[in-house]
Amino acid sequence: MPSYRFLYQKREVSGQPAANALQLDGAAAPPAGWEIIPTFDAECLVAYLMSLDQSHAVKEVKAIAPVSPPMPGKAVK
């Protein structure tokens, strides 16, 4: 999966950190005095994805042959 770095901006903290700054830790954390914030496009993308209607059931792909449970005493590989 690509990183989509264009959806985020690394900027120096001036005064208070931004309210929407990402809370990263470990190797992903920015250096001291810097913060990572989502761009306007990133916030719009999240708003769009959250607005999608998810109230209907998802049609699942049907298997070609029915899956049967393993026979008793047989090891599953």
N, C-alpha and C. Protein backbone atom coordinates (compact mmCIF):
# COMPACT_ATOMS: atom_id res chain seq x y z
N MET A 1 0.85 -1.17 0.00
CA MET A 1 0.00 0.00 0.00
C MET A 1 0.90 1.23 0.00
N PRO A 2 0.68 2.16 -0.90
CA PRO A 2 1.50 3.38 -0.90
C PRO A 2 1.24 4.23 0.33
N SER A 3 2.17 5.12 0.62
CA SER A 3 2.07 5.90 1.85
C SER A 3 1.15 7.12 1.72
N TYR A 4 0.87 7.59 0.52
CA TYR A 4 0.02 8.76 0.30
C TYR A 4 0.50 9.97 1.11
N ARG A 5 1.78 10.24 1.02
CA ARG A 5 2.37 11.35 1.77
C ARG A 5 1.77 12.70 1.40
N PHE A 6 1.22 12.80 0.18
CA PHE A 6 0.63 14.07 -0.24
C PHE A 6 -0.60 14.45 0.56
N LEU A 7 -1.14 13.52 1.33
CA LEU A 7 -2.31 13.81 2.16
C LEU A 7 -1.94 14.37 3.53
N TYR A 8 -0.64 14.47 3.81
CA TYR A 8 -0.18 14.96 5.11
C TYR A 8 0.89 16.02 4.92
N GLN A 9 1.03 16.85 5.92
CA GLN A 9 2.02 17.93 5.88
C GLN A 9 2.83 17.89 7.18
N LYS A 10 4.14 17.97 7.04
CA LYS A 10 5.03 18.02 8.20
C LYS A 10 5.39 19.49 8.39
N ARG A 11 5.10 20.00 9.57
CA ARG A 11 5.41 21.41 9.82
C ARG A 11 5.92 21.60 11.24
N GLU A 12 6.64 22.67 11.42
CA GLU A 12 7.21 23.00 12.71
C GLU A 12 6.10 23.53 13.63
N VAL A 13 6.14 23.11 14.88
CA VAL A 13 5.14 23.57 15.85
C VAL A 13 5.50 24.98 16.26
N SER A 14 4.52 25.86 16.13
CA SER A 14 4.72 27.24 16.59
C SER A 14 3.66 27.52 17.64
N GLY A 15 4.07 27.57 18.89
CA GLY A 15 3.11 27.75 20.00
C GLY A 15 2.49 26.42 20.36
N GLN A 16 1.18 26.34 20.30
CA GLN A 16 0.44 25.13 20.62
C GLN A 16 0.42 24.19 19.42
N PRO A 17 0.49 22.87 19.65
CA PRO A 17 0.32 21.92 18.54
C PRO A 17 -1.09 22.00 17.97
N ALA A 18 -1.24 21.67 16.71
CA ALA A 18 -2.55 21.70 16.06
C ALA A 18 -3.47 20.66 16.70
N ALA A 19 -4.74 20.96 16.74
CA ALA A 19 -5.72 20.05 17.35
C ALA A 19 -5.86 18.76 16.54
N ASN A 20 -5.62 18.84 15.23
CA ASN A 20 -5.77 17.66 14.39
C ASN A 20 -4.43 16.99 14.07
N ALA A 21 -3.38 17.32 14.81
CA ALA A 21 -2.07 16.70 14.58
C ALA A 21 -2.13 15.22 14.92
N LEU A 22 -1.47 14.40 14.13
CA LEU A 22 -1.46 12.96 14.36
C LEU A 22 -0.58 12.63 15.56
N GLN A 23 -1.03 11.71 16.37
CA GLN A 23 -0.27 11.26 17.54
C GLN A 23 0.48 9.99 17.15
N LEU A 24 1.71 10.15 16.67
CA LEU A 24 2.52 9.03 16.22
C LEU A 24 3.59 8.72 17.24
N ASP A 25 4.01 7.45 17.29
CA ASP A 25 5.08 7.08 18.20
C ASP A 25 6.05 6.15 17.49
N GLY A 26 7.17 5.89 18.11
CA GLY A 26 8.17 5.01 17.53
C GLY A 26 8.87 5.64 16.34
N ALA A 27 9.15 4.83 15.35
CA ALA A 27 9.88 5.30 14.16
C ALA A 27 9.05 6.28 13.32
N ALA A 28 7.73 6.22 13.43
CA ALA A 28 6.86 7.09 12.65
C ALA A 28 6.72 8.48 13.25
N ALA A 29 7.15 8.67 14.48
CA ALA A 29 6.99 9.95 15.16
C ALA A 29 7.88 11.01 14.53
N PRO A 30 7.37 12.22 14.38
CA PRO A 30 8.20 13.29 13.84
C PRO A 30 9.24 13.74 14.87
N PRO A 31 10.30 14.42 14.44
CA PRO A 31 11.29 14.92 15.40
C PRO A 31 10.66 15.91 16.38
N ALA A 32 11.32 16.12 17.50
CA ALA A 32 10.81 17.06 18.50
C ALA A 32 10.63 18.44 17.87
N GLY A 33 9.51 19.07 18.17
CA GLY A 33 9.24 20.40 17.64
C GLY A 33 8.53 20.39 16.29
N TRP A 34 8.22 19.20 15.77
CA TRP A 34 7.53 19.06 14.50
C TRP A 34 6.24 18.27 14.70
N GLU A 35 5.30 18.44 13.78
CA GLU A 35 4.04 17.72 13.84
C GLU A 35 3.60 17.33 12.43
N ILE A 36 2.80 16.30 12.35
CA ILE A 36 2.23 15.83 11.08
C ILE A 36 0.74 16.12 11.15
N ILE A 37 0.24 16.87 10.16
CA ILE A 37 -1.18 17.20 10.14
C ILE A 37 -1.78 16.78 8.80
N PRO A 38 -3.04 16.37 8.78
CA PRO A 38 -3.68 16.02 7.51
C PRO A 38 -3.98 17.28 6.70
N THR A 39 -3.90 17.15 5.38
CA THR A 39 -4.24 18.28 4.50
C THR A 39 -5.76 18.38 4.40
N PHE A 40 -6.21 19.43 3.76
CA PHE A 40 -7.64 19.62 3.52
C PHE A 40 -8.19 18.45 2.70
N ASP A 41 -7.43 17.99 1.71
CA ASP A 41 -7.87 16.87 0.89
C ASP A 41 -8.04 15.60 1.72
N ALA A 42 -7.15 15.36 2.68
CA ALA A 42 -7.26 14.18 3.54
C ALA A 42 -8.52 14.26 4.40
N GLU A 43 -8.81 15.42 4.93
CA GLU A 43 -10.01 15.58 5.75
C GLU A 43 -11.28 15.40 4.91
N CYS A 44 -11.25 15.88 3.67
CA CYS A 44 -12.40 15.69 2.77
C CYS A 44 -12.58 14.23 2.42
N LEU A 45 -11.49 13.51 2.19
CA LEU A 45 -11.56 12.08 1.87
C LEU A 45 -12.17 11.30 3.04
N VAL A 46 -11.75 11.58 4.24
CA VAL A 46 -12.30 10.91 5.42
C VAL A 46 -13.78 11.23 5.58
N ALA A 47 -14.16 12.47 5.37
CA ALA A 47 -15.57 12.86 5.48
C ALA A 47 -16.41 12.11 4.44
N TYR A 48 -15.89 12.00 3.22
CA TYR A 48 -16.61 11.28 2.17
C TYR A 48 -16.77 9.80 2.53
N LEU A 49 -15.69 9.16 2.94
CA LEU A 49 -15.75 7.74 3.27
C LEU A 49 -16.70 7.47 4.43
N MET A 50 -16.72 8.36 5.40
CA MET A 50 -17.62 8.18 6.54
C MET A 50 -19.08 8.43 6.17
N SER A 51 -19.32 9.18 5.08
CA SER A 51 -20.69 9.48 4.68
C SER A 51 -21.32 8.37 3.84
N LEU A 52 -20.54 7.41 3.39
CA LEU A 52 -21.08 6.35 2.55
C LEU A 52 -22.10 5.53 3.32
N ASP A 53 -23.16 5.16 2.62
CA ASP A 53 -24.24 4.38 3.23
C ASP A 53 -23.76 2.96 3.48
N GLN A 54 -23.73 2.54 4.73
CA GLN A 54 -23.29 1.20 5.08
C GLN A 54 -24.42 0.42 5.75
N SER A 55 -25.65 0.81 5.48
CA SER A 55 -26.78 0.19 6.17
C SER A 55 -27.27 -1.09 5.50
N HIS A 56 -26.74 -1.42 4.32
CA HIS A 56 -27.20 -2.62 3.63
C HIS A 56 -26.18 -3.75 3.77
N ALA A 57 -26.66 -4.95 3.59
CA ALA A 57 -25.79 -6.12 3.71
C ALA A 57 -24.85 -6.20 2.51
N VAL A 58 -23.64 -6.68 2.74
CA VAL A 58 -22.67 -6.83 1.67
C VAL A 58 -22.88 -8.19 1.02
N LYS A 59 -22.96 -8.20 -0.30
CA LYS A 59 -23.09 -9.47 -1.01
C LYS A 59 -21.72 -10.12 -1.05
N GLU A 60 -21.62 -11.31 -0.52
CA GLU A 60 -20.35 -12.00 -0.49
C GLU A 60 -20.22 -12.90 -1.71
N VAL A 61 -18.99 -13.18 -2.09
CA VAL A 61 -18.73 -14.06 -3.21
C VAL A 61 -19.06 -15.49 -2.79
N LYS A 62 -19.81 -16.16 -3.63
CA LYS A 62 -20.19 -17.53 -3.32
C LYS A 62 -19.08 -18.47 -3.77
N ALA A 63 -18.79 -19.47 -2.96
CA ALA A 63 -17.76 -20.45 -3.30
C ALA A 63 -18.28 -21.36 -4.41
N ILE A 64 -17.36 -21.88 -5.22
CA ILE A 64 -17.75 -22.79 -6.30
C ILE A 64 -18.26 -24.10 -5.71
N ALA A 65 -17.54 -24.66 -4.75
CA ALA A 65 -17.95 -25.89 -4.09
C ALA A 65 -18.18 -25.56 -2.61
N PRO A 66 -19.18 -26.17 -1.99
CA PRO A 66 -19.40 -25.89 -0.57
C PRO A 66 -18.21 -26.37 0.25
N VAL A 67 -17.88 -25.60 1.24
CA VAL A 67 -16.77 -25.94 2.13
C VAL A 67 -17.29 -26.87 3.21
N SER A 68 -16.64 -28.02 3.33
CA SER A 68 -17.07 -28.97 4.35
C SER A 68 -16.10 -28.94 5.51
N PRO A 69 -16.57 -29.21 6.71
CA PRO A 69 -15.68 -29.21 7.86
C PRO A 69 -14.69 -30.36 7.76
N PRO A 70 -13.51 -30.24 8.37
CA PRO A 70 -12.53 -31.33 8.31
C PRO A 70 -13.05 -32.58 9.01
N MET A 71 -12.59 -33.72 8.54
CA MET A 71 -12.99 -34.99 9.12
C MET A 71 -12.41 -35.10 10.53
N PRO A 72 -13.12 -35.71 11.46
CA PRO A 72 -12.57 -35.87 12.82
C PRO A 72 -11.28 -36.69 12.78
N GLY A 73 -10.28 -36.24 13.50
CA GLY A 73 -9.02 -36.94 13.57
C GLY A 73 -8.04 -36.59 12.46
N LYS A 74 -8.47 -35.81 11.46
CA LYS A 74 -7.58 -35.42 10.37
C LYS A 74 -6.94 -34.08 10.70
N ALA A 75 -5.66 -33.97 10.41
CA ALA A 75 -4.93 -32.71 10.64
C ALA A 75 -5.17 -31.79 9.47
N VAL A 76 -5.39 -30.54 9.76
CA VAL A 76 -5.59 -29.52 8.72
C VAL A 76 -4.23 -28.91 8.41
N LYS A 77 -3.86 -28.91 7.14
CA LYS A 77 -2.56 -28.35 6.73
C LYS A 77 -2.74 -26.99 6.14
